[in-house]
Amino acid sequence: MKNSLMGPIGLLMGLRYKSHPWHGIDIGDEAPKVITTFIEMVPRDTVKYEIDKVSGYLKIDRPQKYSNSVPALYGFIPQTLCGEKIADFAIEKTGNHDITGDNDPLDICILTEKEISHGDILVKARPIGGFRMIDKNQADDKIIAVMNNDAMYEGFNDLSEVPPMVIERLKHYFLTYKDLPGNPSNCEITHAYGREEAYLVIEKSMEDYKMKFENLDTLLSTV
């Protein structure tokens, strides 16, 4: 799917202004097999950062109440959206007809041997699977990927090849990171899936984004 925002107008705007990480970054011509991602958090972070959807800058969402920290690079895939098609796919796979999309970009967790010191960066990654997470009846998939050309993880091509302890650590984080004292979160992971299904999820999220923001390139070209 060619990114029309990266035409001459979009490129010229990017020279003068900071590109919005959700709308102004190109997912890449090789998507969904190799994608450009935006990283919000790294394992050393003790607060949860997330993108401010209006300004495009990172903001502090909340301090982590407990000692758990994200076990890998964590962020989202630009120009994706968990909308109607993602919700329909989750309904098909779970049988739960109350599911809706969470209207956020598609989340991604990236495995790498390297110690990355901070977020707010772009990382090229290869999806190898994902978790179908349902958060209060909202589809909130987590794509699992490896950093492209990573020395340790480059050989992994599917989630089934990743050591079980790494998978369990990721699952534990996602099931507990929204917990508050005396008020546990209402999240569940219904499925862990492999590379081919991850490709489908990414493609559906790209279609959801295109449906939601189909006029964005036209609006930008007239400002």
Protein backbone atom coordinates (compact mmCIF):
# COMPACT_ATOMS: atom_id res chain seq x y z
CA MET A 1 0.00 0.00 0.00
CA LYS A 2 1.75 3.17 -1.19
CA ASN A 3 1.86 6.00 1.34
CA SER A 4 0.41 9.02 -0.44
CA LEU A 5 1.46 11.28 2.45
CA MET A 6 5.07 10.80 1.42
CA GLY A 7 4.56 12.63 -1.87
CA PRO A 8 6.28 15.97 -2.65
CA ILE A 9 4.03 18.03 -0.35
CA GLY A 10 4.49 15.68 2.59
CA LEU A 11 8.26 15.50 2.11
CA LEU A 12 8.57 19.28 1.94
CA MET A 13 6.51 19.69 5.12
CA GLY A 14 8.78 17.16 6.82
CA LEU A 15 11.81 19.34 6.09
CA ARG A 16 10.25 22.24 7.96
CA TYR A 17 8.19 20.55 10.64
CA LYS A 18 8.57 17.47 12.81
CA SER A 19 6.64 14.63 11.17
CA HIS A 20 3.77 13.30 13.25
CA PRO A 21 4.88 9.77 14.29
CA TRP A 22 1.43 8.28 13.64
CA HIS A 23 0.49 10.05 10.43
CA GLY A 24 3.72 11.35 8.92
CA ILE A 25 6.01 8.31 9.07
CA ASP A 26 5.98 5.83 6.18
CA ILE A 27 5.39 2.22 7.25
CA GLY A 28 7.67 1.10 4.42
CA ASP A 29 7.33 -0.46 0.98
CA GLU A 30 8.04 -3.97 2.34
CA ALA A 31 5.15 -3.96 4.83
CA PRO A 32 3.95 -6.14 6.45
CA LYS A 33 7.14 -8.26 6.21
CA VAL A 34 9.51 -5.45 7.19
CA ILE A 35 8.07 -2.31 8.78
CA THR A 36 9.12 1.00 10.23
CA THR A 37 7.99 1.39 13.84
CA PHE A 38 7.93 4.21 16.37
CA ILE A 39 9.29 3.34 19.82
CA GLU A 40 7.69 4.99 22.84
CA MET A 41 9.27 2.96 25.67
CA VAL A 42 12.43 0.99 26.43
CA PRO A 43 13.04 -1.53 29.25
CA ARG A 44 14.72 0.96 31.58
CA ASP A 45 11.69 3.31 31.66
CA THR A 46 9.95 3.57 35.04
CA VAL A 47 7.00 5.55 33.72
CA LYS A 48 4.70 4.71 30.83
CA TYR A 49 5.13 7.01 27.87
CA GLU A 50 2.74 7.19 24.96
CA ILE A 51 2.27 9.40 21.94
CA ASP A 52 0.01 12.41 22.23
CA LYS A 53 -2.33 11.91 19.28
CA VAL A 54 -2.81 15.63 18.64
CA SER A 55 0.73 17.01 18.86
CA GLY A 56 2.73 13.89 18.01
CA TYR A 57 5.03 14.37 21.02
CA LEU A 58 5.64 11.79 23.71
CA LYS A 59 3.78 12.35 26.96
CA ILE A 60 3.86 10.70 30.37
CA ASP A 61 0.78 8.52 30.60
CA ARG A 62 1.37 7.38 34.16
CA PRO A 63 4.14 6.28 36.52
CA GLN A 64 4.32 2.51 36.85
CA LYS A 65 2.71 1.67 40.18
CA TYR A 66 4.53 -1.63 40.49
CA SER A 67 8.07 -2.74 39.69
CA ASN A 68 7.26 -4.38 36.35
CA SER A 69 8.94 -2.85 33.32
CA VAL A 70 8.46 -3.44 29.62
CA PRO A 71 10.73 -6.38 28.67
CA ALA A 72 11.45 -5.16 25.12
CA LEU A 73 11.16 -2.08 22.92
CA TYR A 74 7.52 -1.00 22.86
CA GLY A 75 5.69 1.34 20.53
CA PHE A 76 3.34 1.33 17.56
CA ILE A 77 3.22 0.91 13.80
CA PRO A 78 2.66 4.22 11.95
CA GLN A 79 -0.41 4.60 9.74
CA THR A 80 -2.28 1.72 11.35
CA LEU A 81 -5.48 1.71 13.39
CA CYS A 82 -7.29 -0.88 15.48
CA GLY A 83 -10.71 -0.22 14.05
CA GLU A 84 -13.58 -2.13 12.48
CA LYS A 85 -11.56 -4.69 10.53
CA ILE A 86 -9.35 -5.52 13.52
CA ALA A 87 -12.47 -5.88 15.68
CA ASP A 88 -14.17 -8.14 13.13
CA PHE A 89 -11.06 -10.32 12.96
CA ALA A 90 -10.97 -10.61 16.76
CA ILE A 91 -14.67 -11.53 16.78
CA GLU A 92 -14.02 -14.20 14.16
CA LYS A 93 -11.16 -15.68 16.18
CA THR A 94 -12.73 -15.46 19.67
CA GLY A 95 -16.47 -15.78 19.08
CA ASN A 96 -17.01 -12.71 21.30
CA HIS A 97 -19.40 -10.45 19.39
CA ASP A 98 -19.06 -7.52 21.82
CA ILE A 99 -15.53 -6.63 20.69
CA THR A 100 -14.76 -3.22 19.18
CA GLY A 101 -11.47 -1.67 18.07
CA ASP A 102 -9.66 0.56 20.55
CA ASN A 103 -9.09 3.28 17.88
CA ASP A 104 -5.37 3.44 18.62
CA PRO A 105 -2.48 2.61 16.30
CA LEU A 106 -1.40 -1.04 16.33
CA ASP A 107 1.01 -1.77 19.19
CA ILE A 108 4.30 -3.56 18.64
CA CYS A 109 6.96 -5.08 20.90
CA ILE A 110 10.44 -5.54 19.39
CA LEU A 111 13.02 -8.06 20.58
CA THR A 112 16.68 -7.11 20.34
CA GLU A 113 19.94 -7.92 22.11
CA LYS A 114 20.95 -4.25 22.00
CA GLU A 115 20.40 -1.87 24.89
CA ILE A 116 18.49 1.11 23.53
CA SER A 117 18.71 4.03 25.93
CA HIS A 118 15.56 5.96 25.09
CA GLY A 119 12.37 6.00 23.08
CA ASP A 120 11.12 8.56 20.55
CA ILE A 121 13.02 6.76 17.77
CA LEU A 122 12.26 4.85 14.59
CA VAL A 123 13.18 1.15 14.39
CA LYS A 124 12.91 -1.16 11.39
CA ALA A 125 11.51 -4.53 12.45
CA ARG A 126 10.33 -7.92 11.16
CA PRO A 127 7.01 -9.14 12.64
CA ILE A 128 7.10 -12.78 13.78
CA GLY A 129 3.76 -13.11 15.60
CA GLY A 130 1.53 -11.45 18.13
CA PHE A 131 -0.91 -11.62 21.04
CA ARG A 132 -4.64 -11.14 20.63
CA MET A 133 -5.33 -9.02 23.69
CA ILE A 134 -8.82 -7.93 24.69
CA ASP A 135 -9.00 -4.97 27.05
CA LYS A 136 -12.52 -4.31 28.33
CA ASN A 137 -14.00 -5.76 25.12
CA GLN A 138 -11.66 -3.71 22.94
CA ALA A 139 -9.27 -5.37 20.49
CA ASP A 140 -5.74 -4.34 21.50
CA ASP A 141 -3.42 -6.65 19.56
CA LYS A 142 0.28 -6.67 20.37
CA ILE A 143 2.52 -7.51 17.42
CA ILE A 144 5.78 -9.22 18.37
CA ALA A 145 8.75 -8.49 16.12
CA VAL A 146 12.53 -8.70 16.00
CA MET A 147 14.79 -5.80 15.16
CA ASN A 148 15.84 -6.09 11.54
CA ASN A 149 19.37 -7.55 11.27
CA ASP A 150 19.66 -8.02 15.06
CA ALA A 151 22.65 -10.23 15.84
CA MET A 152 20.80 -12.46 18.34
CA TYR A 153 17.20 -12.46 17.11
CA GLU A 154 17.77 -12.27 13.35
CA GLY A 155 17.36 -16.05 13.05
CA PHE A 156 13.84 -16.06 14.53
CA ASN A 157 11.13 -16.08 11.86
CA ASP A 158 8.05 -17.11 13.87
CA LEU A 159 6.81 -16.68 17.42
CA SER A 160 6.94 -20.46 17.88
CA GLU A 161 10.75 -20.26 17.68
CA VAL A 162 11.13 -17.81 20.56
CA PRO A 163 12.06 -19.31 23.97
CA PRO A 164 8.92 -19.85 26.12
CA MET A 165 10.31 -17.76 28.99
CA VAL A 166 10.55 -14.72 26.70
CA ILE A 167 6.92 -15.22 25.64
CA GLU A 168 5.74 -15.62 29.24
CA ARG A 169 7.59 -12.46 30.28
CA LEU A 170 5.88 -10.49 27.53
CA LYS A 171 2.48 -11.92 28.40
CA HIS A 172 2.94 -11.10 32.09
CA TYR A 173 3.79 -7.50 31.31
CA PHE A 174 0.80 -6.92 29.05
CA LEU A 175 -1.59 -8.57 31.50
CA THR A 176 -0.39 -6.49 34.47
CA TYR A 177 0.98 -3.16 33.22
CA LYS A 178 -2.38 -1.41 33.66
CA ASP A 179 -2.92 -2.76 37.17
CA LEU A 180 -3.48 -0.22 39.93
CA PRO A 181 -3.29 -0.96 43.67
CA GLY A 182 -6.56 -2.64 44.62
CA ASN A 183 -7.85 -2.38 41.06
CA PRO A 184 -6.45 -5.03 38.69
CA SER A 185 -6.94 -4.45 34.98
CA ASN A 186 -9.50 -6.34 32.94
CA CYS A 187 -7.21 -7.62 30.16
CA GLU A 188 -6.90 -11.07 28.65
CA ILE A 189 -4.77 -12.63 25.96
CA THR A 190 -6.97 -15.06 24.07
CA HIS A 191 -4.42 -16.23 21.50
CA ALA A 192 -0.75 -16.11 20.65
CA TYR A 193 -0.33 -16.31 16.89
CA GLY A 194 2.48 -16.70 14.38
CA ARG A 195 3.99 -14.66 11.59
CA GLU A 196 1.37 -15.18 8.88
CA GLU A 197 -1.48 -14.11 11.14
CA ALA A 198 0.56 -11.13 12.28
CA TYR A 199 0.84 -10.09 8.64
CA LEU A 200 -2.96 -10.27 8.35
CA VAL A 201 -3.45 -8.17 11.49
CA ILE A 202 -1.06 -5.51 10.21
CA GLU A 203 -2.75 -5.41 6.79
CA LYS A 204 -6.20 -5.08 8.38
CA SER A 205 -4.95 -2.28 10.62
CA MET A 206 -3.55 -0.49 7.56
CA GLU A 207 -6.96 -0.79 5.92
CA ASP A 208 -8.66 0.54 9.07
CA TYR A 209 -6.30 3.51 9.05
CA LYS A 210 -6.97 4.23 5.38
CA MET A 211 -10.75 4.15 6.00
CA LYS A 212 -10.50 6.47 9.01
CA PHE A 213 -8.07 8.98 7.54
CA GLU A 214 -8.75 8.68 3.81
CA ASN A 215 -8.95 12.46 3.39
CA LEU A 216 -5.85 13.31 5.42
CA ASP A 217 -3.49 13.55 2.45
CA THR A 218 -5.92 15.89 0.68
CA LEU A 219 -6.21 18.11 3.74
CA LEU A 220 -2.42 18.30 4.16
CA SER A 221 -1.86 19.16 0.52
CA THR A 222 -4.05 22.25 0.83
CA VAL A 223 -2.46 23.80 3.94
